[in-house]
Protein backbone atom coordinates (compact mmCIF):
# COMPACT_ATOMS: atom_id res chain seq x y z
CA UNK A 1 -13.12 1.46 31.00
CA UNK A 2 -16.44 3.25 30.79
CA UNK A 3 -18.95 3.59 27.97
CA UNK A 4 -21.25 6.62 27.98
CA UNK A 5 -24.94 5.83 28.54
CA UNK A 6 -25.67 7.30 25.12
CA UNK A 7 -23.36 5.31 22.87
CA UNK A 8 -23.38 3.77 19.41
CA UNK A 9 -23.45 0.22 18.08
CA UNK A 10 -21.51 -0.71 15.00
CA UNK A 11 -22.68 -3.84 13.18
CA UNK A 12 -20.44 -5.36 10.55
CA UNK A 13 -21.99 -8.02 8.31
CA UNK A 14 -19.43 -10.20 6.52
CA UNK A 15 -18.94 -13.79 5.45
CA UNK A 16 -17.39 -16.45 7.65
CA UNK A 17 -14.61 -17.13 5.15
CA UNK A 18 -13.83 -13.48 4.33
CA UNK A 19 -10.15 -12.75 4.73
CA UNK A 20 -7.77 -9.83 4.97
CA UNK A 21 -4.16 -10.54 4.01
CA UNK A 22 -4.74 -14.27 4.53
CA UNK A 23 -6.33 -13.96 8.00
CA UNK A 24 -10.00 -14.32 8.92
CA UNK A 25 -11.56 -10.88 8.59
CA UNK A 26 -13.66 -11.27 11.74
CA UNK A 27 -10.50 -11.88 13.78
CA UNK A 28 -8.70 -8.93 12.19
CA UNK A 29 -11.65 -6.63 12.98
CA UNK A 30 -11.80 -7.75 16.64
CA UNK A 31 -8.03 -7.43 17.09
CA UNK A 32 -8.03 -3.98 15.48
CA UNK A 33 -10.91 -2.84 17.72
CA UNK A 34 -9.04 -4.09 20.80
CA UNK A 35 -5.81 -2.40 19.73
CA UNK A 36 -7.74 0.86 19.27
CA UNK A 37 -9.15 0.63 22.80
CA UNK A 38 -12.79 0.06 21.89
CA UNK A 39 -14.86 -1.25 24.80
CA UNK A 40 -15.47 -4.68 23.29
CA UNK A 41 -16.47 -6.66 20.24
CA UNK A 42 -18.61 -9.74 19.76
CA UNK A 43 -18.66 -12.05 16.73
CA UNK A 44 -21.97 -13.77 16.00
CA UNK A 45 -22.44 -16.58 13.47
CA UNK A 46 -25.71 -16.55 11.58
CA UNK A 47 -27.65 -19.66 10.61
CA UNK A 48 -29.00 -18.21 7.38
CA UNK A 49 -28.73 -15.05 5.33
CA UNK A 50 -27.90 -13.37 2.06
CA UNK A 51 -26.26 -10.15 1.05
CA UNK A 52 -25.69 -7.95 -1.96
CA UNK A 53 -25.03 -10.90 -4.28
CA UNK A 54 -28.38 -12.53 -3.25
CA UNK A 55 -26.68 -15.90 -2.68
CA UNK A 56 -28.40 -17.64 0.25
CA UNK A 57 -26.11 -19.11 2.90
CA UNK A 58 -27.70 -21.67 5.22
CA UNK A 59 -26.69 -24.37 7.67
CA UNK A 60 -29.38 -26.82 6.52
CA UNK A 61 -27.80 -30.24 6.05
CA UNK A 62 -28.89 -30.56 2.40
CA UNK A 63 -27.57 -27.09 1.52
CA UNK A 64 -24.47 -26.94 3.65
CA UNK A 65 -22.62 -23.68 3.21
CA UNK A 66 -19.07 -23.09 4.32
CA UNK A 67 -19.53 -19.33 4.22
CA UNK A 68 -22.11 -18.57 6.88
CA UNK A 69 -23.04 -14.99 7.72
CA UNK A 70 -20.99 -13.31 10.46
CA UNK A 71 -21.93 -10.18 12.41
CA UNK A 72 -19.34 -8.29 14.44
CA UNK A 73 -20.91 -5.93 16.98
CA UNK A 74 -19.03 -3.14 18.73
CA UNK A 75 -20.53 -0.68 21.23
CA UNK A 76 -18.67 2.43 22.35
CA UNK A 77 -18.73 6.22 22.35
CA UNK A 78 -19.53 7.97 19.07
CA UNK A 79 -16.05 9.51 18.93
CA UNK A 80 -14.32 6.13 19.23
CA UNK A 81 -16.57 4.66 16.52
CA UNK A 82 -15.77 7.68 14.30
CA UNK A 83 -12.05 6.96 14.66
CA UNK A 84 -12.48 3.24 13.96
CA UNK A 85 -14.57 3.54 10.76
CA UNK A 86 -11.73 4.51 8.37
CA UNK A 87 -9.86 1.36 9.36
CA UNK A 88 -12.91 -0.75 8.54
CA UNK A 89 -13.01 0.85 5.11
CA UNK A 90 -9.50 -0.46 4.49
CA UNK A 91 -10.31 -3.97 5.78
CA UNK A 92 -13.70 -4.81 4.23
CA UNK A 93 -13.93 -5.71 0.53
CA UNK A 94 -17.58 -6.75 0.63
CA UNK A 95 -20.19 -6.63 3.33
CA UNK A 96 -22.45 -4.19 5.15
CA UNK A 97 -21.68 -1.83 8.02
CA UNK A 98 -24.44 -0.15 10.03
CA UNK A 99 -24.36 2.28 12.92
CA UNK A 100 -27.06 3.19 15.39
CA UNK A 101 -27.54 5.01 18.65
CA UNK A 102 -27.96 2.78 21.71
CA UNK A 103 -28.62 3.38 25.39
CA UNK A 104 -26.17 1.48 27.58
CA UNK A 105 -27.87 0.02 30.66
CA UNK A 106 -24.74 -1.48 32.19
CA UNK A 107 -21.17 -2.38 31.29
CA UNK A 108 -19.39 -4.27 34.06
CA UNK A 109 -16.68 -6.79 34.73
CA UNK A 110 -15.35 -8.50 37.81
CA UNK A 111 -11.95 -6.97 38.36
CA UNK A 112 -9.99 -10.01 39.31
C-alpha cells in the first residue's frame, strides 16, 4: 500500500471510556479504518487534557481519572479521508475531529 507524498492527517480526540454500541470507541474507529483500507491508525493516550465540557482529566495520583484523553491519528490520501469522515460522524457522540495536510517522508514495512 502506498500513501501519496501530499496526504492528510485526521486526528480524533475522544475519551478513553467513550463507547459505541458497548465497545470502546477507539477500537471501533481503528477497526473501521482498517476495514476501509486506510493506510494505518495509531491510538495515543494523553496524560492530561480537557475538552468542550472543560472537565480536566489527569493521571496525577491525587486526581486519578478513569477517562483519560485519547487521540486516534490516521494518515492517508485526501480521497480516502473524505470517504471515511461520514462514518466517523455516525460513531462519535462527543469529541473533536481535525484534519490537516501533511507531507509523507516515508511509509515502509518489512514484507515478511
